[in-house]
Amino acid sequence: MSDIQRIDSNERLSRIVIHGGVAHVAGVTASDRSGDIGAQTREVLQKIDGFLAQAGTDKSRLLNVQIWLKDIDRDFAGMNAVWGEWADKANMPTRATCEAKLAAPELLVEIIVSAAV
């Protein structure tokens, strides 16, 4: 028996890895890339809710969040507005937000999370 559980793995990555009581969720991007930062962030956070549920946890148990924005000057406020609606204010994780060249030009945000199980 392995002490590492891998969920939804393919040749490049596992969507979720659980080890030592912590679920690590790989970077999540929007499937509908036609939307603005609010729409893409909303979709990404909905997907994260689903991945956390698969791992047996939820956003109230988030430990760490990394947010990558295509254009931090343009999109930081819009992303934060959606984040503020979604986040569990009684259980805020550590968080970093950076600007990065994402995998496709129409992607505006990618979010990586870890949560206690």
PDB file of N, CA and C in Angstrom:
ATOM      1  N   MET A   1       0.837  -1.178   0.000  1.00  0.00           N
ATOM      2  CA  MET A   1       0.000   0.000   0.000  1.00  0.00           C
ATOM      3  C   MET A   1       0.887   1.249   0.000  1.00  0.00           C
ATOM      4  N   SER A   2       0.527   2.209  -0.843  1.00  0.00           N
ATOM      5  CA  SER A   2       1.293   3.445  -0.959  1.00  0.00           C
ATOM      6  C   SER A   2       0.712   4.508  -0.045  1.00  0.00           C
ATOM      7  N   ASP A   3       1.580   5.341   0.513  1.00  0.00           N
ATOM      8  CA  ASP A   3       1.093   6.443   1.333  1.00  0.00           C
ATOM      9  C   ASP A   3       0.822   7.685   0.487  1.00  0.00           C
ATOM     10  N   ILE A   4       0.963   7.542  -0.838  1.00  0.00           N
ATOM     11  CA  ILE A   4       0.662   8.626  -1.769  1.00  0.00           C
ATOM     12  C   ILE A   4      -0.501   8.189  -2.648  1.00  0.00           C
ATOM     13  N   GLN A   5      -1.553   8.998  -2.675  1.00  0.00           N
ATOM     14  CA  GLN A   5      -2.711   8.704  -3.521  1.00  0.00           C
ATOM     15  C   GLN A   5      -2.717   9.701  -4.679  1.00  0.00           C
ATOM     16  N   ARG A   6      -2.809   9.174  -5.898  1.00  0.00           N
ATOM     17  CA  ARG A   6      -2.842  10.015  -7.097  1.00  0.00           C
ATOM     18  C   ARG A   6      -4.196   9.856  -7.770  1.00  0.00           C
ATOM     19  N   ILE A   7      -4.829  10.979  -8.085  1.00  0.00           N
ATOM     20  CA  ILE A   7      -6.163  10.980  -8.681  1.00  0.00           C
ATOM     21  C   ILE A   7      -6.097  11.661 -10.039  1.00  0.00           C
ATOM     22  N   ASP A   8      -6.745  11.038 -11.029  1.00  0.00           N
ATOM     23  CA  ASP A   8      -6.853  11.604 -12.376  1.00  0.00           C
ATOM     24  C   ASP A   8      -5.472  11.881 -12.972  1.00  0.00           C
ATOM     25  N   SER A   9      -4.691  10.813 -13.089  1.00  0.00           N
ATOM     26  CA  SER A   9      -3.334  10.921 -13.627  1.00  0.00           C
ATOM     27  C   SER A   9      -3.315  10.651 -15.124  1.00  0.00           C
ATOM     28  N   ASN A  10      -2.381  11.296 -15.799  1.00  0.00           N
ATOM     29  CA  ASN A  10      -2.116  11.019 -17.212  1.00  0.00           C
ATOM     30  C   ASN A  10      -0.605  11.020 -17.425  1.00  0.00           C
ATOM     31  N   GLU A  11      -0.164  11.088 -18.670  1.00  0.00           N
ATOM     32  CA  GLU A  11       1.269  11.008 -18.961  1.00  0.00           C
ATOM     33  C   GLU A  11       2.045  12.244 -18.513  1.00  0.00           C
ATOM     34  N   ARG A  12       1.333  13.352 -18.173  1.00  0.00           N
ATOM     35  CA  ARG A  12       2.023  14.588 -17.784  1.00  0.00           C
ATOM     36  C   ARG A  12       1.894  14.926 -16.305  1.00  0.00           C
ATOM     37  N   LEU A  13       0.759  14.561 -15.694  1.00  0.00           N
ATOM     38  CA  LEU A  13       0.526  15.003 -14.318  1.00  0.00           C
ATOM     39  C   LEU A  13      -0.588  14.212 -13.662  1.00  0.00           C
ATOM     40  N   SER A  14      -0.693  14.383 -12.363  1.00  0.00           N
ATOM     41  CA  SER A  14      -1.861  13.933 -11.620  1.00  0.00           C
ATOM     42  C   SER A  14      -2.643  15.183 -11.255  1.00  0.00           C
ATOM     43  N   ARG A  15      -3.936  15.150 -11.435  1.00  0.00           N
ATOM     44  CA  ARG A  15      -4.772  16.313 -11.110  1.00  0.00           C
ATOM     45  C   ARG A  15      -4.713  16.596  -9.618  1.00  0.00           C
ATOM     46  N   ILE A  16      -4.720  15.510  -8.808  1.00  0.00           N
ATOM     47  CA  ILE A  16      -4.677  15.643  -7.353  1.00  0.00           C
ATOM     48  C   ILE A  16      -3.688  14.619  -6.811  1.00  0.00           C
ATOM     49  N   VAL A  17      -2.849  15.033  -5.871  1.00  0.00           N
ATOM     50  CA  VAL A  17      -1.974  14.115  -5.146  1.00  0.00           C
ATOM     51  C   VAL A  17      -2.218  14.353  -3.666  1.00  0.00           C
ATOM     52  N   ILE A  18      -2.498  13.259  -2.936  1.00  0.00           N
ATOM     53  CA  ILE A  18      -2.739  13.349  -1.499  1.00  0.00           C
ATOM     54  C   ILE A  18      -1.605  12.622  -0.790  1.00  0.00           C
ATOM     55  N   HIS A  19      -0.988  13.323   0.153  1.00  0.00           N
ATOM     56  CA  HIS A  19       0.115  12.740   0.920  1.00  0.00           C
ATOM     57  C   HIS A  19       0.198  13.465   2.261  1.00  0.00           C
ATOM     58  N   GLY A  20       0.411  12.700   3.304  1.00  0.00           N
ATOM     59  CA  GLY A  20       0.591  13.294   4.622  1.00  0.00           C
ATOM     60  C   GLY A  20      -0.586  14.153   5.069  1.00  0.00           C
ATOM     61  N   GLY A  21      -1.794  13.792   4.662  1.00  0.00           N
ATOM     62  CA  GLY A  21      -2.972  14.533   5.076  1.00  0.00           C
ATOM     63  C   GLY A  21      -3.208  15.826   4.318  1.00  0.00           C
ATOM     64  N   VAL A  22      -2.473  16.007   3.215  1.00  0.00           N
ATOM     65  CA  VAL A  22      -2.629  17.225   2.406  1.00  0.00           C
ATOM     66  C   VAL A  22      -2.936  16.840   0.962  1.00  0.00           C
ATOM     67  N   ALA A  23      -3.949  17.490   0.400  1.00  0.00           N
ATOM     68  CA  ALA A  23      -4.296  17.321  -1.013  1.00  0.00           C
ATOM     69  C   ALA A  23      -3.689  18.471  -1.794  1.00  0.00           C
ATOM     70  N   HIS A  24      -2.902  18.121  -2.810  1.00  0.00           N
ATOM     71  CA  HIS A  24      -2.279  19.102  -3.695  1.00  0.00           C
ATOM     72  C   HIS A  24      -3.007  19.025  -5.030  1.00  0.00           C
ATOM     73  N   VAL A  25      -3.585  20.140  -5.465  1.00  0.00           N
ATOM     74  CA  VAL A  25      -4.326  20.185  -6.727  1.00  0.00           C
ATOM     75  C   VAL A  25      -3.466  20.903  -7.752  1.00  0.00           C
ATOM     76  N   ALA A  26      -3.263  20.265  -8.904  1.00  0.00           N
ATOM     77  CA  ALA A  26      -2.476  20.856  -9.982  1.00  0.00           C
ATOM     78  C   ALA A  26      -3.131  22.143 -10.475  1.00  0.00           C
ATOM     79  N   GLY A  27      -2.392  22.928 -11.229  1.00  0.00           N
ATOM     80  CA  GLY A  27      -2.905  24.175 -11.764  1.00  0.00           C
ATOM     81  C   GLY A  27      -4.216  23.995 -12.517  1.00  0.00           C
ATOM     82  N   VAL A  28      -5.182  24.862 -12.228  1.00  0.00           N
ATOM     83  CA  VAL A  28      -6.517  24.782 -12.817  1.00  0.00           C
ATOM     84  C   VAL A  28      -6.746  26.025 -13.668  1.00  0.00           C
ATOM     85  N   THR A  29      -7.200  25.809 -14.904  1.00  0.00           N
ATOM     86  CA  THR A  29      -7.529  26.899 -15.812  1.00  0.00           C
ATOM     87  C   THR A  29      -8.970  26.742 -16.282  1.00  0.00           C
ATOM     88  N   ALA A  30      -9.492  27.773 -16.890  1.00  0.00           N
ATOM     89  CA  ALA A  30     -10.856  27.751 -17.402  1.00  0.00           C
ATOM     90  C   ALA A  30     -10.925  26.938 -18.687  1.00  0.00           C
ATOM     91  N   SER A  31     -12.000  26.194 -18.850  1.00  0.00           N
ATOM     92  CA  SER A  31     -12.259  25.498 -20.117  1.00  0.00           C
ATOM     93  C   SER A  31     -12.821  26.465 -21.144  1.00  0.00           C
ATOM     94  N   ASP A  32     -13.703  27.380 -20.692  1.00  0.00           N
ATOM     95  CA  ASP A  32     -14.254  28.421 -21.559  1.00  0.00           C
ATOM     96  C   ASP A  32     -13.314  29.609 -21.480  1.00  0.00           C
ATOM     97  N   ARG A  33     -12.498  29.738 -22.493  1.00  0.00           N
ATOM     98  CA  ARG A  33     -11.467  30.769 -22.494  1.00  0.00           C
ATOM     99  C   ARG A  33     -11.922  32.060 -23.150  1.00  0.00           C
ATOM    100  N   SER A  34     -13.213  32.154 -23.468  1.00  0.00           N
ATOM    101  CA  SER A  34     -13.724  33.357 -24.128  1.00  0.00           C
ATOM    102  C   SER A  34     -14.118  34.441 -23.123  1.00  0.00           C
ATOM    103  N   GLY A  35     -14.225  34.086 -21.845  1.00  0.00           N
ATOM    104  CA  GLY A  35     -14.691  35.030 -20.849  1.00  0.00           C
ATOM    105  C   GLY A  35     -13.616  35.969 -20.341  1.00  0.00           C
ATOM    106  N   ASP A  36     -14.058  37.001 -19.613  1.00  0.00           N
ATOM    107  CA  ASP A  36     -13.140  37.947 -18.987  1.00  0.00           C
ATOM    108  C   ASP A  36     -12.562  37.332 -17.717  1.00  0.00           C
ATOM    109  N   ILE A  37     -11.777  38.105 -16.972  1.00  0.00           N
ATOM    110  CA  ILE A  37     -11.123  37.574 -15.777  1.00  0.00           C
ATOM    111  C   ILE A  37     -12.138  37.098 -14.747  1.00  0.00           C
ATOM    112  N   GLY A  38     -13.273  37.783 -14.621  1.00  0.00           N
ATOM    113  CA  GLY A  38     -14.296  37.353 -13.665  1.00  0.00           C
ATOM    114  C   GLY A  38     -14.865  36.000 -14.026  1.00  0.00           C
ATOM    115  N   ALA A  39     -15.212  35.827 -15.281  1.00  0.00           N
ATOM    116  CA  ALA A  39     -15.790  34.556 -15.737  1.00  0.00           C
ATOM    117  C   ALA A  39     -14.782  33.422 -15.611  1.00  0.00           C
ATOM    118  N   GLN A  40     -13.543  33.664 -16.036  1.00  0.00           N
ATOM    119  CA  GLN A  40     -12.537  32.602 -15.953  1.00  0.00           C
ATOM    120  C   GLN A  40     -12.225  32.249 -14.499  1.00  0.00           C
ATOM    121  N   THR A  41     -12.109  33.247 -13.639  1.00  0.00           N
ATOM    122  CA  THR A  41     -11.825  32.968 -12.225  1.00  0.00           C
ATOM    123  C   THR A  41     -12.969  32.189 -11.595  1.00  0.00           C
ATOM    124  N   ARG A  42     -14.201  32.572 -11.881  1.00  0.00           N
ATOM    125  CA  ARG A  42     -15.375  31.874 -11.344  1.00  0.00           C
ATOM    126  C   ARG A  42     -15.353  30.400 -11.752  1.00  0.00           C
ATOM    127  N   GLU A  43     -15.078  30.142 -13.041  1.00  0.00           N
ATOM    128  CA  GLU A  43     -15.031  28.755 -13.520  1.00  0.00           C
ATOM    129  C   GLU A  43     -13.914  27.973 -12.847  1.00  0.00           C
ATOM    130  N   VAL A  44     -12.745  28.582 -12.727  1.00  0.00           N
ATOM    131  CA  VAL A  44     -11.607  27.906 -12.093  1.00  0.00           C
ATOM    132  C   VAL A  44     -11.946  27.550 -10.643  1.00  0.00           C
ATOM    133  N   LEU A  45     -12.534  28.467  -9.905  1.00  0.00           N
ATOM    134  CA  LEU A  45     -12.866  28.200  -8.506  1.00  0.00           C
ATOM    135  C   LEU A  45     -13.952  27.131  -8.376  1.00  0.00           C
ATOM    136  N   GLN A  46     -14.896  27.086  -9.308  1.00  0.00           N
ATOM    137  CA  GLN A  46     -15.891  26.006  -9.308  1.00  0.00           C
ATOM    138  C   GLN A  46     -15.218  24.657  -9.542  1.00  0.00           C
ATOM    139  N   LYS A  47     -14.270  24.616 -10.472  1.00  0.00           N
ATOM    140  CA  LYS A  47     -13.532  23.374 -10.707  1.00  0.00           C
ATOM    141  C   LYS A  47     -12.753  22.971  -9.455  1.00  0.00           C
ATOM    142  N   ILE A  48     -12.126  23.937  -8.804  1.00  0.00           N
ATOM    143  CA  ILE A  48     -11.371  23.644  -7.582  1.00  0.00           C
ATOM    144  C   ILE A  48     -12.288  23.065  -6.519  1.00  0.00           C
ATOM    145  N   ASP A  49     -13.496  23.601  -6.363  1.00  0.00           N
ATOM    146  CA  ASP A  49     -14.459  23.011  -5.427  1.00  0.00           C
ATOM    147  C   ASP A  49     -14.658  21.527  -5.724  1.00  0.00           C
ATOM    148  N   GLY A  50     -14.804  21.179  -6.997  1.00  0.00           N
ATOM    149  CA  GLY A  50     -15.000  19.785  -7.384  1.00  0.00           C
ATOM    150  C   GLY A  50     -13.785  18.913  -7.099  1.00  0.00           C
ATOM    151  N   PHE A  51     -12.590  19.427  -7.400  1.00  0.00           N
ATOM    152  CA  PHE A  51     -11.368  18.654  -7.141  1.00  0.00           C
ATOM    153  C   PHE A  51     -11.164  18.453  -5.637  1.00  0.00           C
ATOM    154  N   LEU A  52     -11.429  19.488  -4.853  1.00  0.00           N
ATOM    155  CA  LEU A  52     -11.306  19.340  -3.402  1.00  0.00           C
ATOM    156  C   LEU A  52     -12.292  18.300  -2.876  1.00  0.00           C
ATOM    157  N   ALA A  53     -13.513  18.294  -3.406  1.00  0.00           N
ATOM    158  CA  ALA A  53     -14.507  17.284  -2.996  1.00  0.00           C
ATOM    159  C   ALA A  53     -14.010  15.885  -3.340  1.00  0.00           C
ATOM    160  N   GLN A  54     -13.406  15.724  -4.518  1.00  0.00           N
ATOM    161  CA  GLN A  54     -12.843  14.415  -4.892  1.00  0.00           C
ATOM    162  C   GLN A  54     -11.797  13.963  -3.887  1.00  0.00           C
ATOM    163  N   ALA A  55     -11.066  14.909  -3.328  1.00  0.00           N
ATOM    164  CA  ALA A  55     -10.005  14.591  -2.375  1.00  0.00           C
ATOM    165  C   ALA A  55     -10.535  14.452  -0.948  1.00  0.00           C
ATOM    166  N   GLY A  56     -11.829  14.678  -0.755  1.00  0.00           N
ATOM    167  CA  GLY A  56     -12.411  14.546   0.571  1.00  0.00           C
ATOM    168  C   GLY A  56     -12.220  15.767   1.444  1.00  0.00           C
ATOM    169  N   THR A  57     -12.132  16.941   0.830  1.00  0.00           N
ATOM    170  CA  THR A  57     -11.934  18.174   1.592  1.00  0.00           C
ATOM    171  C   THR A  57     -12.723  19.298   0.939  1.00  0.00           C
ATOM    172  N   ASP A  58     -12.506  20.522   1.402  1.00  0.00           N
ATOM    173  CA  ASP A  58     -13.201  21.666   0.809  1.00  0.00           C
ATOM    174  C   ASP A  58     -12.393  22.944   1.041  1.00  0.00           C
ATOM    175  N   LYS A  59     -12.910  24.065   0.542  1.00  0.00           N
ATOM    176  CA  LYS A  59     -12.169  25.324   0.595  1.00  0.00           C
ATOM    177  C   LYS A  59     -11.941  25.836   2.013  1.00  0.00           C
ATOM    178  N   SER A  60     -12.702  25.371   2.989  1.00  0.00           N
ATOM    179  CA  SER A  60     -12.480  25.793   4.377  1.00  0.00           C
ATOM    180  C   SER A  60     -11.186  25.210   4.932  1.00  0.00           C
ATOM    181  N   ARG A  61     -10.603  24.249   4.212  1.00  0.00           N
ATOM    182  CA  ARG A  61      -9.379  23.580   4.668  1.00  0.00           C
ATOM    183  C   ARG A  61      -8.167  23.926   3.806  1.00  0.00           C
ATOM    184  N   LEU A  62      -8.321  24.961   2.969  1.00  0.00           N
ATOM    185  CA  LEU A  62      -7.194  25.392   2.141  1.00  0.00           C
ATOM    186  C   LEU A  62      -6.022  25.820   3.012  1.00  0.00           C
ATOM    187  N   LEU A  63      -4.820  25.440   2.577  1.00  0.00           N
ATOM    188  CA  LEU A  63      -3.597  25.820   3.270  1.00  0.00           C
ATOM    189  C   LEU A  63      -2.829  26.878   2.487  1.00  0.00           C
ATOM    190  N   ASN A  64      -2.740  26.666   1.171  1.00  0.00           N
ATOM    191  CA  ASN A  64      -1.902  27.506   0.329  1.00  0.00           C
ATOM    192  C   ASN A  64      -2.552  27.656  -1.035  1.00  0.00           C
ATOM    193  N   VAL A  65      -2.497  28.855  -1.583  1.00  0.00           N
ATOM    194  CA  VAL A  65      -3.034  29.129  -2.915  1.00  0.00           C
ATOM    195  C   VAL A  65      -2.001  29.928  -3.689  1.00  0.00           C
ATOM    196  N   GLN A  66      -1.774  29.513  -4.937  1.00  0.00           N
ATOM    197  CA  GLN A  66      -0.929  30.269  -5.868  1.00  0.00           C
ATOM    198  C   GLN A  66      -1.805  30.670  -7.042  1.00  0.00           C
ATOM    199  N   ILE A  67      -1.846  31.967  -7.328  1.00  0.00           N
ATOM    200  CA  ILE A  67      -2.664  32.480  -8.419  1.00  0.00           C
ATOM    201  C   ILE A  67      -1.731  33.109  -9.445  1.00  0.00           C
ATOM    202  N   TRP A  68      -1.886  32.691 -10.679  1.00  0.00           N
ATOM    203  CA  TRP A  68      -1.071  33.187 -11.782  1.00  0.00           C
ATOM    204  C   TRP A  68      -1.989  33.943 -12.745  1.00  0.00           C
ATOM    205  N   LEU A  69      -1.679  35.209 -12.986  1.00  0.00           N
ATOM    206  CA  LEU A  69      -2.472  36.048 -13.882  1.00  0.00           C
ATOM    207  C   LEU A  69      -1.669  36.393 -15.124  1.00  0.00           C
ATOM    208  N   LYS A  70      -2.326  36.407 -16.262  1.00  0.00           N
ATOM    209  CA  LYS A  70      -1.672  36.807 -17.505  1.00  0.00           C
ATOM    210  C   LYS A  70      -1.243  38.273 -17.436  1.00  0.00           C
ATOM    211  N   ASP A  71      -2.129  39.122 -16.899  1.00  0.00           N
ATOM    212  CA  ASP A  71      -1.844  40.562 -16.803  1.00  0.00           C
ATOM    213  C   ASP A  71      -2.283  41.037 -15.422  1.00  0.00           C
ATOM    214  N   ILE A  72      -1.336  41.115 -14.494  1.00  0.00           N
ATOM    215  CA  ILE A  72      -1.671  41.435 -13.105  1.00  0.00           C
ATOM    216  C   ILE A  72      -2.195  42.856 -12.964  1.00  0.00           C
ATOM    217  N   ASP A  73      -1.681  43.797 -13.751  1.00  0.00           N
ATOM    218  CA  ASP A  73      -2.161  45.179 -13.665  1.00  0.00           C
ATOM    219  C   ASP A  73      -3.627  45.276 -14.068  1.00  0.00           C
ATOM    220  N   ARG A  74      -3.999  44.607 -15.126  1.00  0.00           N
ATOM    221  CA  ARG A  74      -5.363  44.664 -15.643  1.00  0.00           C
ATOM    222  C   ARG A  74      -6.331  43.813 -14.822  1.00  0.00           C
ATOM    223  N   ASP A  75      -5.896  42.634 -14.360  1.00  0.00           N
ATOM    224  CA  ASP A  75      -6.836  41.624 -13.868  1.00  0.00           C
ATOM    225  C   ASP A  75      -6.829  41.371 -12.362  1.00  0.00           C
ATOM    226  N   PHE A  76      -5.917  41.981 -11.623  1.00  0.00           N
ATOM    227  CA  PHE A  76      -5.826  41.698 -10.182  1.00  0.00           C
ATOM    228  C   PHE A  76      -7.124  42.044  -9.455  1.00  0.00           C
ATOM    229  N   ALA A  77      -7.671  43.208  -9.688  1.00  0.00           N
ATOM    230  CA  ALA A  77      -8.895  43.631  -8.993  1.00  0.00           C
ATOM    231  C   ALA A  77     -10.085  42.742  -9.372  1.00  0.00           C
ATOM    232  N   GLY A  78     -10.226  42.415 -10.647  1.00  0.00           N
ATOM    233  CA  GLY A  78     -11.329  41.566 -11.082  1.00  0.00           C
ATOM    234  C   GLY A  78     -11.245  40.168 -10.515  1.00  0.00           C
ATOM    235  N   MET A  79     -10.046  39.603 -10.492  1.00  0.00           N
ATOM    236  CA  MET A  79      -9.853  38.276  -9.902  1.00  0.00           C
ATOM    237  C   MET A  79     -10.151  38.330  -8.413  1.00  0.00           C
ATOM    238  N   ASN A  80      -9.660  39.367  -7.729  1.00  0.00           N
ATOM    239  CA  ASN A  80      -9.868  39.490  -6.288  1.00  0.00           C
ATOM    240  C   ASN A  80     -11.342  39.644  -5.930  1.00  0.00           C
ATOM    241  N   ALA A  81     -12.123  40.303  -6.779  1.00  0.00           N
ATOM    242  CA  ALA A  81     -13.557  40.447  -6.513  1.00  0.00           C
ATOM    243  C   ALA A  81     -14.226  39.078  -6.483  1.00  0.00           C
ATOM    244  N   VAL A  82     -13.897  38.226  -7.447  1.00  0.00           N
ATOM    245  CA  VAL A  82     -14.472  36.879  -7.490  1.00  0.00           C
ATOM    246  C   VAL A  82     -13.924  36.038  -6.340  1.00  0.00           C
ATOM    247  N   TRP A  83     -12.632  36.132  -6.098  1.00  0.00           N
ATOM    248  CA  TRP A  83     -12.015  35.422  -4.977  1.00  0.00           C
ATOM    249  C   TRP A  83     -12.728  35.771  -3.670  1.00  0.00           C
ATOM    250  N   GLY A  84     -12.988  37.055  -3.456  1.00  0.00           N
ATOM    251  CA  GLY A  84     -13.629  37.507  -2.232  1.00  0.00           C
ATOM    252  C   GLY A  84     -15.024  36.939  -2.038  1.00  0.00           C
ATOM    253  N   GLU A  85     -15.746  36.708  -3.120  1.00  0.00           N
ATOM    254  CA  GLU A  85     -17.074  36.089  -3.044  1.00  0.00           C
ATOM    255  C   GLU A  85     -16.977  34.604  -2.702  1.00  0.00           C
ATOM    256  N   TRP A  86     -15.920  33.955  -3.188  1.00  0.00           N
ATOM    257  CA  TRP A  86     -15.782  32.498  -3.077  1.00  0.00           C
ATOM    258  C   TRP A  86     -15.090  32.050  -1.790  1.00  0.00           C
ATOM    259  N   ALA A  87     -14.044  32.744  -1.390  1.00  0.00           N
ATOM    260  CA  ALA A  87     -13.189  32.290  -0.290  1.00  0.00           C
ATOM    261  C   ALA A  87     -13.955  32.214   1.031  1.00  0.00           C
ATOM    262  N   ASP A  88     -13.556  31.259   1.862  1.00  0.00           N
ATOM    263  CA  ASP A  88     -14.112  31.107   3.207  1.00  0.00           C
ATOM    264  C   ASP A  88     -13.390  32.103   4.111  1.00  0.00           C
ATOM    265  N   LYS A  89     -14.054  33.211   4.412  1.00  0.00           N
ATOM    266  CA  LYS A  89     -13.412  34.306   5.139  1.00  0.00           C
ATOM    267  C   LYS A  89     -12.965  33.927   6.552  1.00  0.00           C
ATOM    268  N   ALA A  90     -13.556  32.897   7.112  1.00  0.00           N
ATOM    269  CA  ALA A  90     -13.163  32.447   8.447  1.00  0.00           C
ATOM    270  C   ALA A  90     -11.945  31.532   8.412  1.00  0.00           C
ATOM    271  N   ASN A  91     -11.554  31.112   7.211  1.00  0.00           N
ATOM    272  CA  ASN A  91     -10.457  30.140   7.077  1.00  0.00           C
ATOM    273  C   ASN A  91      -9.581  30.481   5.877  1.00  0.00           C
ATOM    274  N   MET A  92      -8.987  31.666   5.872  1.00  0.00           N
ATOM    275  CA  MET A  92      -8.191  32.098   4.733  1.00  0.00           C
ATOM    276  C   MET A  92      -6.843  31.369   4.686  1.00  0.00           C
ATOM    277  N   PRO A  93      -6.443  30.929   3.492  1.00  0.00           N
ATOM    278  CA  PRO A  93      -5.135  30.272   3.319  1.00  0.00           C
ATOM    279  C   PRO A  93      -4.030  31.305   3.129  1.00  0.00           C
ATOM    280  N   THR A  94      -2.792  30.836   3.110  1.00  0.00           N
ATOM    281  CA  THR A  94      -1.729  31.696   2.604  1.00  0.00           C
ATOM    282  C   THR A  94      -1.955  31.821   1.104  1.00  0.00           C
ATOM    283  N   ARG A  95      -1.450  32.918   0.510  1.00  0.00           N
ATOM    284  CA  ARG A  95      -1.723  33.125  -0.906  1.00  0.00           C
ATOM    285  C   ARG A  95      -0.627  33.966  -1.525  1.00  0.00           C
ATOM    286  N   ALA A  96      -0.312  33.652  -2.774  1.00  0.00           N
ATOM    287  CA  ALA A  96       0.584  34.479  -3.575  1.00  0.00           C
ATOM    288  C   ALA A  96      -0.071  34.679  -4.929  1.00  0.00           C
ATOM    289  N   THR A  97       0.096  35.869  -5.484  1.00  0.00           N
ATOM    290  CA  THR A  97      -0.427  36.169  -6.813  1.00  0.00           C
ATOM    291  C   THR A  97       0.705  36.751  -7.635  1.00  0.00           C
ATOM    292  N   CYS A  98       0.925  36.170  -8.805  1.00  0.00           N
ATOM    293  CA  CYS A  98       2.015  36.593  -9.680  1.00  0.00           C
ATOM    294  C   CYS A  98       1.509  36.739 -11.107  1.00  0.00           C
ATOM    295  N   GLU A  99       2.283  37.430 -11.905  1.00  0.00           N
ATOM    296  CA  GLU A  99       2.012  37.519 -13.335  1.00  0.00           C
ATOM    297  C   GLU A  99       2.879  36.484 -14.045  1.00  0.00           C
ATOM    298  N   ALA A 100       2.300  35.820 -15.037  1.00  0.00           N
ATOM    299  CA  ALA A 100       3.041  34.784 -15.763  1.00  0.00           C
ATOM    300  C   ALA A 100       2.512  34.656 -17.181  1.00  0.00           C
ATOM    301  N   LYS A 101       3.378  34.219 -18.062  1.00  0.00           N
ATOM    302  CA  LYS A 101       2.946  33.849 -19.402  1.00  0.00           C
ATOM    303  C   LYS A 101       2.327  32.465 -19.280  1.00  0.00           C
ATOM    304  N   LEU A 102       1.016  32.382 -19.484  1.00  0.00           N
ATOM    305  CA  LEU A 102       0.301  31.119 -19.303  1.00  0.00           C
ATOM    306  C   LEU A 102       0.378  30.270 -20.571  1.00  0.00           C
ATOM    307  N   ALA A 103      -0.132  29.044 -20.501  1.00  0.00           N
ATOM    308  CA  ALA A 103       0.059  28.048 -21.559  1.00  0.00           C
ATOM    309  C   ALA A 103      -0.616  28.387 -22.881  1.00  0.00           C
ATOM    310  N   ALA A 104      -1.634  29.242 -22.869  1.00  0.00           N
ATOM    311  CA  ALA A 104      -2.325  29.646 -24.094  1.00  0.00           C
ATOM    312  C   ALA A 104      -2.654  31.132 -23.981  1.00  0.00           C
ATOM    313  N   PRO A 105      -2.619  31.856 -25.076  1.00  0.00           N
ATOM    314  CA  PRO A 105      -2.806  33.308 -25.005  1.00  0.00           C
ATOM    315  C   PRO A 105      -4.166  33.750 -24.470  1.00  0.00           C
ATOM    316  N   GLU A 106      -5.188  32.932 -24.614  1.00  0.00           N
ATOM    317  CA  GLU A 106      -6.519  33.324 -24.141  1.00  0.00           C
ATOM    318  C   GLU A 106      -6.756  32.999 -22.666  1.00  0.00           C
ATOM    319  N   LEU A 107      -5.835  32.282 -22.038  1.00  0.00           N
ATOM    320  CA  LEU A 107      -5.940  32.013 -20.605  1.00  0.00           C
ATOM    321  C   LEU A 107      -5.562  33.259 -19.821  1.00  0.00           C
ATOM    322  N   LEU A 108      -6.394  33.621 -18.852  1.00  0.00           N
ATOM    323  CA  LEU A 108      -6.154  34.817 -18.053  1.00  0.00           C
ATOM    324  C   LEU A 108      -5.718  34.495 -16.630  1.00  0.00           C
ATOM    325  N   VAL A 109      -6.040  33.275 -16.146  1.00  0.00           N
ATOM    326  CA  VAL A 109      -5.753  32.920 -14.756  1.00  0.00           C
ATOM    327  C   VAL A 109      -5.520  31.414 -14.643  1.00  0.00           C
ATOM    328  N   GLU A 110      -4.614  31.054 -13.754  1.00  0.00           N
ATOM    329  CA  GLU A 110      -4.393  29.649 -13.362  1.00  0.00           C
ATOM    330  C   GLU A 110      -4.207  29.655 -11.857  1.00  0.00           C
ATOM    331  N   ILE A 111      -4.852  28.687 -11.182  1.00  0.00           N
ATOM    332  CA  ILE A 111      -4.790  28.638  -9.729  1.00  0.00           C
ATOM    333  C   ILE A 111      -4.372  27.243  -9.272  1.00  0.00           C
ATOM    334  N   ILE A 112      -3.454  27.200  -8.312  1.00  0.00           N
ATOM    335  CA  ILE A 112      -2.924  25.979  -7.711  1.00  0.00           C
ATOM    336  C   ILE A 112      -3.281  26.022  -6.230  1.00  0.00           C
ATOM    337  N   VAL A 113      -3.801  24.933  -5.674  1.00  0.00           N
ATOM    338  CA  VAL A 113      -4.146  24.933  -4.251  1.00  0.00           C
ATOM    339  C   VAL A 113      -3.654  23.664  -3.551  1.00  0.00           C
ATOM    340  N   SER A 114      -3.475  23.798  -2.243  1.00  0.00           N
ATOM    341  CA  SER A 114      -3.247  22.664  -1.351  1.00  0.00           C
ATOM    342  C   SER A 114      -4.193  22.816  -0.179  1.00  0.00           C
ATOM    343  N   ALA A 115      -4.739  21.684   0.291  1.00  0.00           N
ATOM    344  CA  ALA A 115      -5.712  21.716   1.389  1.00  0.00           C
ATOM    345  C   ALA A 115      -5.510  20.518   2.304  1.00  0.00           C
ATOM    346  N   ALA A 116      -5.779  20.733   3.578  1.00  0.00           N
ATOM    347  CA  ALA A 116      -5.770  19.621   4.529  1.00  0.00           C
ATOM    348  C   ALA A 116      -6.945  18.718   4.224  1.00  0.00           C
ATOM    349  N   VAL A 117      -6.705  17.405   4.369  1.00  0.00           N
ATOM    350  CA  VAL A 117      -7.771  16.429   4.111  1.00  0.00           C
ATOM    351  C   VAL A 117      -8.411  16.058   5.431  1.00  0.00           C
TER     352      VAL A 117
END
